[in-house]
């Protein structure tokens, strides 16, 4: 099993959710986060004063998948979240040691 985490632009959430549903993903967790990478933030004007916004709003998605779903899920996120501009985000994949469905006690792949 693998955990796929993606940090994407907020307006791409619906597109990514639809792409993941088409890829056969049963569930995702989405969290509103703030951060920056190479994009480095931007300046804004508020009541005549300029100020720097270092941390930009992003969405963090977490998806637990079986090993054979990983490439499909990563491709689906890349296609749906990509705009070709700086700040599109990142995808991280790591090993998931155990998953347990609390209600039934199902383990690992059955719990996904």
PDB file of N, CA and C in Angstrom:
ATOM      1  N   UNK A   1       0.842  -1.182   0.000  1.00  0.00           N
ATOM      2  CA  UNK A   1       0.000   0.000   0.000  1.00  0.00           C
ATOM      3  C   UNK A   1       0.882   1.239   0.000  1.00  0.00           C
ATOM      4  N   UNK A   2       0.336   2.307  -0.542  1.00  0.00           N
ATOM      5  CA  UNK A   2       1.042   3.579  -0.605  1.00  0.00           C
ATOM      6  C   UNK A   2       0.123   4.704  -0.152  1.00  0.00           C
ATOM      7  N   UNK A   3       0.741   5.760   0.364  1.00  0.00           N
ATOM      8  CA  UNK A   3       0.025   6.993   0.665  1.00  0.00           C
ATOM      9  C   UNK A   3       0.485   8.000  -0.372  1.00  0.00           C
ATOM     10  N   UNK A   4      -0.468   8.581  -1.081  1.00  0.00           N
ATOM     11  CA  UNK A   4      -0.175   9.613  -2.066  1.00  0.00           C
ATOM     12  C   UNK A   4      -0.663  10.932  -1.484  1.00  0.00           C
ATOM     13  N   UNK A   5       0.241  11.887  -1.363  1.00  0.00           N
ATOM     14  CA  UNK A   5      -0.116  13.209  -0.877  1.00  0.00           C
ATOM     15  C   UNK A   5       0.172  14.211  -1.984  1.00  0.00           C
ATOM     16  N   UNK A   6      -0.781  15.062  -2.253  1.00  0.00           N
ATOM     17  CA  UNK A   6      -0.607  16.081  -3.277  1.00  0.00           C
ATOM     18  C   UNK A   6      -0.976  17.438  -2.699  1.00  0.00           C
ATOM     19  N   UNK A   7      -0.189  18.442  -3.051  1.00  0.00           N
ATOM     20  CA  UNK A   7      -0.496  19.822  -2.685  1.00  0.00           C
ATOM     21  C   UNK A   7      -0.820  20.530  -3.998  1.00  0.00           C
ATOM     22  N   UNK A   8      -2.050  21.045  -4.109  1.00  0.00           N
ATOM     23  CA  UNK A   8      -2.530  21.603  -5.371  1.00  0.00           C
ATOM     24  C   UNK A   8      -3.148  22.981  -5.164  1.00  0.00           C
ATOM     25  N   UNK A   9      -3.421  23.663  -6.269  1.00  0.00           N
ATOM     26  CA  UNK A   9      -4.123  24.939  -6.212  1.00  0.00           C
ATOM     27  C   UNK A   9      -5.586  24.688  -5.844  1.00  0.00           C
ATOM     28  N   UNK A  10      -6.168  25.550  -5.008  1.00  0.00           N
ATOM     29  CA  UNK A  10      -7.538  25.312  -4.528  1.00  0.00           C
ATOM     30  C   UNK A  10      -8.587  25.184  -5.632  1.00  0.00           C
ATOM     31  N   UNK A  11      -8.475  25.946  -6.696  1.00  0.00           N
ATOM     32  CA  UNK A  11      -9.513  25.911  -7.731  1.00  0.00           C
ATOM     33  C   UNK A  11      -9.461  24.631  -8.566  1.00  0.00           C
ATOM     34  N   UNK A  12      -8.439  23.800  -8.362  1.00  0.00           N
ATOM     35  CA  UNK A  12      -8.314  22.541  -9.089  1.00  0.00           C
ATOM     36  C   UNK A  12      -8.889  21.350  -8.315  1.00  0.00           C
ATOM     37  N   UNK A  13      -9.404  21.580  -7.124  1.00  0.00           N
ATOM     38  CA  UNK A  13      -9.877  20.482  -6.280  1.00  0.00           C
ATOM     39  C   UNK A  13     -10.973  19.659  -6.951  1.00  0.00           C
ATOM     40  N   UNK A  14     -11.984  20.295  -7.513  1.00  0.00           N
ATOM     41  CA  UNK A  14     -13.079  19.548  -8.135  1.00  0.00           C
ATOM     42  C   UNK A  14     -12.592  18.712  -9.314  1.00  0.00           C
ATOM     43  N   UNK A  15     -11.703  19.282 -10.129  1.00  0.00           N
ATOM     44  CA  UNK A  15     -11.162  18.539 -11.272  1.00  0.00           C
ATOM     45  C   UNK A  15     -10.395  17.306 -10.806  1.00  0.00           C
ATOM     46  N   UNK A  16      -9.594  17.477  -9.758  1.00  0.00           N
ATOM     47  CA  UNK A  16      -8.800  16.356  -9.245  1.00  0.00           C
ATOM     48  C   UNK A  16      -9.705  15.309  -8.615  1.00  0.00           C
ATOM     49  N   UNK A  17     -10.711  15.738  -7.880  1.00  0.00           N
ATOM     50  CA  UNK A  17     -11.651  14.791  -7.258  1.00  0.00           C
ATOM     51  C   UNK A  17     -12.340  13.940  -8.324  1.00  0.00           C
ATOM     52  N   UNK A  18     -12.784  14.580  -9.408  1.00  0.00           N
ATOM     53  CA  UNK A  18     -13.433  13.846 -10.494  1.00  0.00           C
ATOM     54  C   UNK A  18     -12.458  12.869 -11.161  1.00  0.00           C
ATOM     55  N   UNK A  19     -11.218  13.312 -11.381  1.00  0.00           N
ATOM     56  CA  UNK A  19     -10.213  12.446 -12.009  1.00  0.00           C
ATOM     57  C   UNK A  19      -9.906  11.241 -11.131  1.00  0.00           C
ATOM     58  N   UNK A  20      -9.834  11.448  -9.821  1.00  0.00           N
ATOM     59  CA  UNK A  20      -9.561  10.338  -8.907  1.00  0.00           C
ATOM     60  C   UNK A  20     -10.739   9.363  -8.852  1.00  0.00           C
ATOM     61  N   UNK A  21     -11.959   9.886  -8.911  1.00  0.00           N
ATOM     62  CA  UNK A  21     -13.136   9.009  -8.933  1.00  0.00           C
ATOM     63  C   UNK A  21     -13.114   8.134 -10.183  1.00  0.00           C
ATOM     64  N   UNK A  22     -12.755   8.721 -11.330  1.00  0.00           N
ATOM     65  CA  UNK A  22     -12.654   7.963 -12.574  1.00  0.00           C
ATOM     66  C   UNK A  22     -11.534   6.922 -12.516  1.00  0.00           C
ATOM     67  N   UNK A  23     -10.496   7.209 -11.718  1.00  0.00           N
ATOM     68  CA  UNK A  23      -9.370   6.281 -11.577  1.00  0.00           C
ATOM     69  C   UNK A  23      -9.672   5.162 -10.577  1.00  0.00           C
ATOM     70  N   UNK A  24     -10.851   5.199  -9.953  1.00  0.00           N
ATOM     71  CA  UNK A  24     -11.249   4.127  -9.046  1.00  0.00           C
ATOM     72  C   UNK A  24     -10.886   4.340  -7.596  1.00  0.00           C
ATOM     73  N   UNK A  25     -10.562   5.572  -7.221  1.00  0.00           N
ATOM     74  CA  UNK A  25     -10.217   5.859  -5.827  1.00  0.00           C
ATOM     75  C   UNK A  25     -11.494   5.919  -4.993  1.00  0.00           C
ATOM     76  N   UNK A  26     -11.501   5.188  -3.881  1.00  0.00           N
ATOM     77  CA  UNK A  26     -12.696   5.093  -3.042  1.00  0.00           C
ATOM     78  C   UNK A  26     -12.884   6.316  -2.142  1.00  0.00           C
ATOM     79  N   UNK A  27     -11.799   6.956  -1.716  1.00  0.00           N
ATOM     80  CA  UNK A  27     -11.932   8.095  -0.818  1.00  0.00           C
ATOM     81  C   UNK A  27     -10.668   8.917  -0.757  1.00  0.00           C
ATOM     82  N   UNK A  28     -10.850  10.203  -0.459  1.00  0.00           N
ATOM     83  CA  UNK A  28      -9.710  11.104  -0.306  1.00  0.00           C
ATOM     84  C   UNK A  28      -9.938  11.983   0.915  1.00  0.00           C
ATOM     85  N   UNK A  29      -8.867  12.528   1.426  1.00  0.00           N
ATOM     86  CA  UNK A  29      -8.934  13.527   2.483  1.00  0.00           C
ATOM     87  C   UNK A  29      -8.361  14.811   1.920  1.00  0.00           C
ATOM     88  N   UNK A  30      -9.103  15.907   2.057  1.00  0.00           N
ATOM     89  CA  UNK A  30      -8.652  17.209   1.564  1.00  0.00           C
ATOM     90  C   UNK A  30      -8.585  18.178   2.736  1.00  0.00           C
ATOM     91  N   UNK A  31      -7.478  18.898   2.828  1.00  0.00           N
ATOM     92  CA  UNK A  31      -7.259  19.852   3.898  1.00  0.00           C
ATOM     93  C   UNK A  31      -6.818  21.175   3.311  1.00  0.00           C
ATOM     94  N   UNK A  32      -7.382  22.272   3.802  1.00  0.00           N
ATOM     95  CA  UNK A  32      -6.932  23.593   3.381  1.00  0.00           C
ATOM     96  C   UNK A  32      -5.643  23.915   4.128  1.00  0.00           C
ATOM     97  N   UNK A  33      -4.592  24.226   3.385  1.00  0.00           N
ATOM     98  CA  UNK A  33      -3.291  24.527   3.977  1.00  0.00           C
ATOM     99  C   UNK A  33      -2.735  25.796   3.351  1.00  0.00           C
ATOM    100  N   UNK A  34      -1.637  26.278   3.887  1.00  0.00           N
ATOM    101  CA  UNK A  34      -0.929  27.414   3.311  1.00  0.00           C
ATOM    102  C   UNK A  34       0.538  27.052   3.191  1.00  0.00           C
ATOM    103  N   UNK A  35       1.182  27.541   2.148  1.00  0.00           N
ATOM    104  CA  UNK A  35       2.590  27.239   1.981  1.00  0.00           C
ATOM    105  C   UNK A  35       3.163  27.960   0.779  1.00  0.00           C
ATOM    106  N   UNK A  36       4.435  27.707   0.528  1.00  0.00           N
ATOM    107  CA  UNK A  36       5.076  28.266  -0.654  1.00  0.00           C
ATOM    108  C   UNK A  36       6.243  27.388  -1.044  1.00  0.00           C
ATOM    109  N   UNK A  37       6.607  27.476  -2.300  1.00  0.00           N
ATOM    110  CA  UNK A  37       7.770  26.775  -2.820  1.00  0.00           C
ATOM    111  C   UNK A  37       8.527  27.761  -3.669  1.00  0.00           C
ATOM    112  N   UNK A  38       8.782  27.401  -4.902  1.00  0.00           N
ATOM    113  CA  UNK A  38       9.478  28.317  -5.808  1.00  0.00           C
ATOM    114  C   UNK A  38       8.641  29.543  -6.121  1.00  0.00           C
ATOM    115  N   UNK A  39       7.344  29.438  -5.930  1.00  0.00           N
ATOM    116  CA  UNK A  39       6.434  30.543  -6.225  1.00  0.00           C
ATOM    117  C   UNK A  39       6.715  31.751  -5.323  1.00  0.00           C
ATOM    118  N   UNK A  40       7.158  31.504  -4.108  1.00  0.00           N
ATOM    119  CA  UNK A  40       7.610  32.514  -3.147  1.00  0.00           C
ATOM    120  C   UNK A  40       6.568  33.551  -2.738  1.00  0.00           C
ATOM    121  N   UNK A  41       5.297  33.316  -2.970  1.00  0.00           N
ATOM    122  CA  UNK A  41       4.282  34.280  -2.558  1.00  0.00           C
ATOM    123  C   UNK A  41       4.153  35.416  -3.555  1.00  0.00           C
ATOM    124  N   UNK A  42       3.472  36.482  -3.126  1.00  0.00           N
ATOM    125  CA  UNK A  42       3.261  37.636  -3.992  1.00  0.00           C
ATOM    126  C   UNK A  42       2.911  38.851  -3.146  1.00  0.00           C
ATOM    127  N   UNK A  43       2.836  40.023  -3.781  1.00  0.00           N
ATOM    128  CA  UNK A  43       2.453  41.235  -3.058  1.00  0.00           C
ATOM    129  C   UNK A  43       1.005  41.563  -3.380  1.00  0.00           C
ATOM    130  N   UNK A  44       0.309  42.135  -2.400  1.00  0.00           N
ATOM    131  CA  UNK A  44      -1.072  42.552  -2.575  1.00  0.00           C
ATOM    132  C   UNK A  44      -1.220  43.970  -2.074  1.00  0.00           C
ATOM    133  N   UNK A  45      -2.277  44.611  -2.529  1.00  0.00           N
ATOM    134  CA  UNK A  45      -2.576  45.979  -2.126  1.00  0.00           C
ATOM    135  C   UNK A  45      -3.818  45.945  -1.249  1.00  0.00           C
ATOM    136  N   UNK A  46      -3.735  46.494  -0.034  1.00  0.00           N
ATOM    137  CA  UNK A  46      -4.877  46.541   0.874  1.00  0.00           C
ATOM    138  C   UNK A  46      -4.971  47.932   1.471  1.00  0.00           C
ATOM    139  N   UNK A  47      -6.053  48.632   1.176  1.00  0.00           N
ATOM    140  CA  UNK A  47      -6.279  50.000   1.649  1.00  0.00           C
ATOM    141  C   UNK A  47      -5.083  50.907   1.358  1.00  0.00           C
ATOM    142  N   UNK A  48      -4.576  50.767   0.159  1.00  0.00           N
ATOM    143  CA  UNK A  48      -3.493  51.631  -0.281  1.00  0.00           C
ATOM    144  C   UNK A  48      -2.103  51.205   0.147  1.00  0.00           C
ATOM    145  N   UNK A  49      -1.994  50.180   0.963  1.00  0.00           N
ATOM    146  CA  UNK A  49      -0.684  49.726   1.438  1.00  0.00           C
ATOM    147  C   UNK A  49      -0.339  48.389   0.789  1.00  0.00           C
ATOM    148  N   UNK A  50       0.899  48.275   0.317  1.00  0.00           N
ATOM    149  CA  UNK A  50       1.377  47.014  -0.244  1.00  0.00           C
ATOM    150  C   UNK A  50       1.890  46.126   0.867  1.00  0.00           C
ATOM    151  N   UNK A  51       1.581  44.859   0.779  1.00  0.00           N
ATOM    152  CA  UNK A  51       2.157  43.917   1.733  1.00  0.00           C
ATOM    153  C   UNK A  51       2.424  42.601   1.028  1.00  0.00           C
ATOM    154  N   UNK A  52       3.346  41.832   1.595  1.00  0.00           N
ATOM    155  CA  UNK A  52       3.780  40.574   0.990  1.00  0.00           C
ATOM    156  C   UNK A  52       2.998  39.419   1.599  1.00  0.00           C
ATOM    157  N   UNK A  53       2.472  38.565   0.736  1.00  0.00           N
ATOM    158  CA  UNK A  53       1.807  37.343   1.173  1.00  0.00           C
ATOM    159  C   UNK A  53       2.786  36.204   0.928  1.00  0.00           C
ATOM    160  N   UNK A  54       3.421  35.733   1.995  1.00  0.00           N
ATOM    161  CA  UNK A  54       4.423  34.668   1.873  1.00  0.00           C
ATOM    162  C   UNK A  54       3.778  33.300   1.694  1.00  0.00           C
ATOM    163  N   UNK A  55       2.740  33.030   2.452  1.00  0.00           N
ATOM    164  CA  UNK A  55       2.092  31.727   2.422  1.00  0.00           C
ATOM    165  C   UNK A  55       0.831  31.811   1.577  1.00  0.00           C
ATOM    166  N   UNK A  56       0.790  30.984   0.532  1.00  0.00           N
ATOM    167  CA  UNK A  56      -0.336  30.977  -0.390  1.00  0.00           C
ATOM    168  C   UNK A  56      -1.305  29.853  -0.037  1.00  0.00           C
ATOM    169  N   UNK A  57      -2.598  30.081  -0.263  1.00  0.00           N
ATOM    170  CA  UNK A  57      -3.564  29.016   0.031  1.00  0.00           C
ATOM    171  C   UNK A  57      -3.402  27.845  -0.936  1.00  0.00           C
ATOM    172  N   UNK A  58      -3.410  26.646  -0.398  1.00  0.00           N
ATOM    173  CA  UNK A  58      -3.288  25.415  -1.181  1.00  0.00           C
ATOM    174  C   UNK A  58      -4.252  24.381  -0.595  1.00  0.00           C
ATOM    175  N   UNK A  59      -4.424  23.278  -1.310  1.00  0.00           N
ATOM    176  CA  UNK A  59      -5.192  22.141  -0.822  1.00  0.00           C
ATOM    177  C   UNK A  59      -4.251  20.945  -0.742  1.00  0.00           C
ATOM    178  N   UNK A  60      -4.254  20.272   0.397  1.00  0.00           N
ATOM    179  CA  UNK A  60      -3.462  19.054   0.557  1.00  0.00           C
ATOM    180  C   UNK A  60      -4.420  17.873   0.468  1.00  0.00           C
ATOM    181  N   UNK A  61      -4.144  16.980  -0.484  1.00  0.00           N
ATOM    182  CA  UNK A  61      -4.934  15.767  -0.660  1.00  0.00           C
ATOM    183  C   UNK A  61      -4.136  14.576  -0.171  1.00  0.00           C
ATOM    184  N   UNK A  62      -4.810  13.665   0.510  1.00  0.00           N
ATOM    185  CA  UNK A  62      -4.176  12.432   0.944  1.00  0.00           C
ATOM    186  C   UNK A  62      -5.043  11.273   0.470  1.00  0.00           C
ATOM    187  N   UNK A  63      -4.400  10.330  -0.214  1.00  0.00           N
ATOM    188  CA  UNK A  63      -5.114   9.192  -0.792  1.00  0.00           C
ATOM    189  C   UNK A  63      -4.334   7.921  -0.484  1.00  0.00           C
ATOM    190  N   UNK A  64      -4.967   6.980   0.191  1.00  0.00           N
ATOM    191  CA  UNK A  64      -4.348   5.681   0.452  1.00  0.00           C
ATOM    192  C   UNK A  64      -4.777   4.742  -0.665  1.00  0.00           C
ATOM    193  N   UNK A  65      -3.797   4.113  -1.327  1.00  0.00           N
ATOM    194  CA  UNK A  65      -4.091   3.245  -2.468  1.00  0.00           C
ATOM    195  C   UNK A  65      -3.266   1.967  -2.397  1.00  0.00           C
ATOM    196  N   UNK A  66      -3.704   0.977  -3.161  1.00  0.00           N
ATOM    197  CA  UNK A  66      -2.918  -0.246  -3.285  1.00  0.00           C
ATOM    198  C   UNK A  66      -1.746   0.028  -4.218  1.00  0.00           C
ATOM    199  N   UNK A  67      -0.734  -0.823  -4.166  1.00  0.00           N
ATOM    200  CA  UNK A  67       0.474  -0.617  -4.969  1.00  0.00           C
ATOM    201  C   UNK A  67       0.176  -0.518  -6.462  1.00  0.00           C
ATOM    202  N   UNK A  68      -0.801  -1.291  -6.939  1.00  0.00           N
ATOM    203  CA  UNK A  68      -1.082  -1.283  -8.375  1.00  0.00           C
ATOM    204  C   UNK A  68      -1.858  -0.043  -8.828  1.00  0.00           C
ATOM    205  N   UNK A  69      -2.385   0.752  -7.896  1.00  0.00           N
ATOM    206  CA  UNK A  69      -3.118   1.969  -8.245  1.00  0.00           C
ATOM    207  C   UNK A  69      -2.235   3.217  -8.278  1.00  0.00           C
ATOM    208  N   UNK A  70      -1.037   3.136  -7.752  1.00  0.00           N
ATOM    209  CA  UNK A  70      -0.205   4.324  -7.547  1.00  0.00           C
ATOM    210  C   UNK A  70       0.017   5.122  -8.824  1.00  0.00           C
ATOM    211  N   UNK A  71       0.492   4.491  -9.865  1.00  0.00           N
ATOM    212  CA  UNK A  71       0.804   5.219 -11.100  1.00  0.00           C
ATOM    213  C   UNK A  71      -0.432   5.858 -11.703  1.00  0.00           C
ATOM    214  N   UNK A  72      -1.561   5.150 -11.675  1.00  0.00           N
ATOM    215  CA  UNK A  72      -2.814   5.686 -12.202  1.00  0.00           C
ATOM    216  C   UNK A  72      -3.237   6.927 -11.425  1.00  0.00           C
ATOM    217  N   UNK A  73      -3.124   6.865 -10.098  1.00  0.00           N
ATOM    218  CA  UNK A  73      -3.518   7.985  -9.246  1.00  0.00           C
ATOM    219  C   UNK A  73      -2.599   9.185  -9.464  1.00  0.00           C
ATOM    220  N   UNK A  74      -1.294   8.951  -9.518  1.00  0.00           N
ATOM    221  CA  UNK A  74      -0.343  10.047  -9.738  1.00  0.00           C
ATOM    222  C   UNK A  74      -0.601  10.710 -11.091  1.00  0.00           C
ATOM    223  N   UNK A  75      -0.817   9.917 -12.136  1.00  0.00           N
ATOM    224  CA  UNK A  75      -1.106  10.468 -13.462  1.00  0.00           C
ATOM    225  C   UNK A  75      -2.398  11.271 -13.461  1.00  0.00           C
ATOM    226  N   UNK A  76      -3.435  10.761 -12.794  1.00  0.00           N
ATOM    227  CA  UNK A  76      -4.724  11.459 -12.732  1.00  0.00           C
ATOM    228  C   UNK A  76      -4.574  12.814 -12.053  1.00  0.00           C
ATOM    229  N   UNK A  77      -3.814  12.862 -10.954  1.00  0.00           N
ATOM    230  CA  UNK A  77      -3.609  14.130 -10.246  1.00  0.00           C
ATOM    231  C   UNK A  77      -2.815  15.090 -11.118  1.00  0.00           C
ATOM    232  N   UNK A  78      -1.749  14.603 -11.751  1.00  0.00           N
ATOM    233  CA  UNK A  78      -0.920  15.467 -12.597  1.00  0.00           C
ATOM    234  C   UNK A  78      -1.737  16.101 -13.721  1.00  0.00           C
ATOM    235  N   UNK A  79      -2.547  15.301 -14.394  1.00  0.00           N
ATOM    236  CA  UNK A  79      -3.336  15.814 -15.514  1.00  0.00           C
ATOM    237  C   UNK A  79      -4.402  16.796 -15.052  1.00  0.00           C
ATOM    238  N   UNK A  80      -5.087  16.472 -13.953  1.00  0.00           N
ATOM    239  CA  UNK A  80      -6.198  17.301 -13.493  1.00  0.00           C
ATOM    240  C   UNK A  80      -5.741  18.581 -12.794  1.00  0.00           C
ATOM    241  N   UNK A  81      -4.586  18.541 -12.109  1.00  0.00           N
ATOM    242  CA  UNK A  81      -4.129  19.693 -11.330  1.00  0.00           C
ATOM    243  C   UNK A  81      -3.201  20.611 -12.105  1.00  0.00           C
ATOM    244  N   UNK A  82      -2.681  20.140 -13.218  1.00  0.00           N
ATOM    245  CA  UNK A  82      -1.684  20.912 -13.950  1.00  0.00           C
ATOM    246  C   UNK A  82      -2.265  22.070 -14.739  1.00  0.00           C
ATOM    247  N   UNK A  83      -1.601  23.220 -14.634  1.00  0.00           N
ATOM    248  CA  UNK A  83      -1.947  24.381 -15.452  1.00  0.00           C
ATOM    249  C   UNK A  83      -0.771  24.788 -16.324  1.00  0.00           C
ATOM    250  N   UNK A  84       0.410  24.227 -16.016  1.00  0.00           N
ATOM    251  CA  UNK A  84       1.610  24.598 -16.738  1.00  0.00           C
ATOM    252  C   UNK A  84       2.275  25.843 -16.196  1.00  0.00           C
ATOM    253  N   UNK A  85       1.754  26.362 -15.088  1.00  0.00           N
ATOM    254  CA  UNK A  85       2.309  27.580 -14.485  1.00  0.00           C
ATOM    255  C   UNK A  85       2.922  27.249 -13.135  1.00  0.00           C
ATOM    256  N   UNK A  86       3.788  28.133 -12.687  1.00  0.00           N
ATOM    257  CA  UNK A  86       4.430  27.951 -11.398  1.00  0.00           C
ATOM    258  C   UNK A  86       3.369  27.888 -10.296  1.00  0.00           C
ATOM    259  N   UNK A  87       3.610  27.029  -9.307  1.00  0.00           N
ATOM    260  CA  UNK A  87       2.681  26.902  -8.192  1.00  0.00           C
ATOM    261  C   UNK A  87       1.645  25.809  -8.358  1.00  0.00           C
ATOM    262  N   UNK A  88       1.777  24.966  -9.391  1.00  0.00           N
ATOM    263  CA  UNK A  88       0.818  23.877  -9.590  1.00  0.00           C
ATOM    264  C   UNK A  88       0.833  22.880  -8.439  1.00  0.00           C
ATOM    265  N   UNK A  89       1.952  22.735  -7.764  1.00  0.00           N
ATOM    266  CA  UNK A  89       1.999  21.866  -6.602  1.00  0.00           C
ATOM    267  C   UNK A  89       2.982  20.725  -6.736  1.00  0.00           C
ATOM    268  N   UNK A  90       2.861  19.768  -5.824  1.00  0.00           N
ATOM    269  CA  UNK A  90       3.755  18.621  -5.766  1.00  0.00           C
ATOM    270  C   UNK A  90       2.950  17.385  -5.387  1.00  0.00           C
ATOM    271  N   UNK A  91       3.510  16.228  -5.737  1.00  0.00           N
ATOM    272  CA  UNK A  91       2.935  14.938  -5.345  1.00  0.00           C
ATOM    273  C   UNK A  91       4.027  14.146  -4.644  1.00  0.00           C
ATOM    274  N   UNK A  92       3.689  13.577  -3.499  1.00  0.00           N
ATOM    275  CA  UNK A  92       4.617  12.755  -2.732  1.00  0.00           C
ATOM    276  C   UNK A  92       3.999  11.372  -2.546  1.00  0.00           C
ATOM    277  N   UNK A  93       4.814  10.321  -2.630  1.00  0.00           N
ATOM    278  CA  UNK A  93       4.334   8.953  -2.450  1.00  0.00           C
ATOM    279  C   UNK A  93       5.250   8.264  -1.445  1.00  0.00           C
ATOM    280  N   UNK A  94       4.661   7.609  -0.465  1.00  0.00           N
ATOM    281  CA  UNK A  94       5.461   6.839   0.478  1.00  0.00           C
ATOM    282  C   UNK A  94       4.730   5.567   0.881  1.00  0.00           C
ATOM    283  N   UNK A  95       5.488   4.639   1.453  1.00  0.00           N
ATOM    284  CA  UNK A  95       4.920   3.362   1.874  1.00  0.00           C
ATOM    285  C   UNK A  95       3.954   3.553   3.032  1.00  0.00           C
ATOM    286  N   UNK A  96       2.872   2.805   2.973  1.00  0.00           N
ATOM    287  CA  UNK A  96       1.867   2.818   4.032  1.00  0.00           C
ATOM    288  C   UNK A  96       1.910   1.450   4.701  1.00  0.00           C
ATOM    289  N   UNK A  97       2.313   1.421   5.937  1.00  0.00           N
ATOM    290  CA  UNK A  97       2.554   0.150   6.613  1.00  0.00           C
ATOM    291  C   UNK A  97       1.272  -0.587   6.967  1.00  0.00           C
ATOM    292  N   UNK A  98       0.264   0.123   7.434  1.00  0.00           N
ATOM    293  CA  UNK A  98      -0.964  -0.535   7.872  1.00  0.00           C
ATOM    294  C   UNK A  98      -2.148   0.400   7.720  1.00  0.00           C
ATOM    295  N   UNK A  99      -3.299  -0.186   7.387  1.00  0.00           N
ATOM    296  CA  UNK A  99      -4.565   0.548   7.351  1.00  0.00           C
ATOM    297  C   UNK A  99      -5.609  -0.323   8.040  1.00  0.00           C
ATOM    298  N   UNK A 100      -6.450   0.286   8.852  1.00  0.00           N
ATOM    299  CA  UNK A 100      -7.492  -0.444   9.571  1.00  0.00           C
ATOM    300  C   UNK A 100      -8.801   0.332   9.456  1.00  0.00           C
ATOM    301  N   UNK A 101      -9.852  -0.332   9.004  1.00  0.00           N
ATOM    302  CA  UNK A 101     -11.181   0.279   9.004  1.00  0.00           C
ATOM    303  C   UNK A 101     -11.732   0.115  10.418  1.00  0.00           C
ATOM    304  N   UNK A 102     -11.990   1.215  11.089  1.00  0.00           N
ATOM    305  CA  UNK A 102     -12.399   1.181  12.493  1.00  0.00           C
ATOM    306  C   UNK A 102     -13.712   0.428  12.685  1.00  0.00           C
ATOM    307  N   UNK A 103     -14.686   0.679  11.830  1.00  0.00           N
ATOM    308  CA  UNK A 103     -16.007   0.077  11.988  1.00  0.00           C
ATOM    309  C   UNK A 103     -15.986  -1.449  11.946  1.00  0.00           C
ATOM    310  N   UNK A 104     -15.245  -2.018  10.989  1.00  0.00           N
ATOM    311  CA  UNK A 104     -15.287  -3.470  10.777  1.00  0.00           C
ATOM    312  C   UNK A 104     -14.030  -4.201  11.224  1.00  0.00           C
ATOM    313  N   UNK A 105     -12.946  -3.488  11.414  1.00  0.00           N
ATOM    314  CA  UNK A 105     -11.695  -4.110  11.782  1.00  0.00           C
ATOM    315  C   UNK A 105     -10.941  -4.663  10.576  1.00  0.00           C
ATOM    316  N   UNK A 106     -11.424  -4.400   9.350  1.00  0.00           N
ATOM    317  CA  UNK A 106     -10.722  -4.863   8.157  1.00  0.00           C
ATOM    318  C   UNK A 106      -9.324  -4.250   8.126  1.00  0.00           C
ATOM    319  N   UNK A 107      -8.377  -5.014   7.592  1.00  0.00           N
ATOM    320  CA  UNK A 107      -6.989  -4.585   7.593  1.00  0.00           C
ATOM    321  C   UNK A 107      -6.460  -4.366   6.191  1.00  0.00           C
ATOM    322  N   UNK A 108      -5.490  -3.450   6.109  1.00  0.00           N
ATOM    323  CA  UNK A 108      -4.682  -3.190   4.923  1.00  0.00           C
ATOM    324  C   UNK A 108      -5.519  -2.976   3.668  1.00  0.00           C
ATOM    325  N   UNK A 109      -5.287  -3.727   2.604  1.00  0.00           N
ATOM    326  CA  UNK A 109      -5.983  -3.513   1.337  1.00  0.00           C
ATOM    327  C   UNK A 109      -7.496  -3.587   1.448  1.00  0.00           C
ATOM    328  N   UNK A 110      -8.000  -4.460   2.320  1.00  0.00           N
ATOM    329  CA  UNK A 110      -9.447  -4.574   2.521  1.00  0.00           C
ATOM    330  C   UNK A 110     -10.030  -3.330   3.187  1.00  0.00           C
ATOM    331  N   UNK A 111      -9.201  -2.614   3.939  1.00  0.00           N
ATOM    332  CA  UNK A 111      -9.667  -1.416   4.642  1.00  0.00           C
ATOM    333  C   UNK A 111      -9.750  -0.209   3.718  1.00  0.00           C
ATOM    334  N   UNK A 112      -9.075  -0.286   2.582  1.00  0.00           N
ATOM    335  CA  UNK A 112      -9.091   0.842   1.660  1.00  0.00           C
ATOM    336  C   UNK A 112     -10.383   0.844   0.873  1.00  0.00           C
TER     337      UNK A 112
END
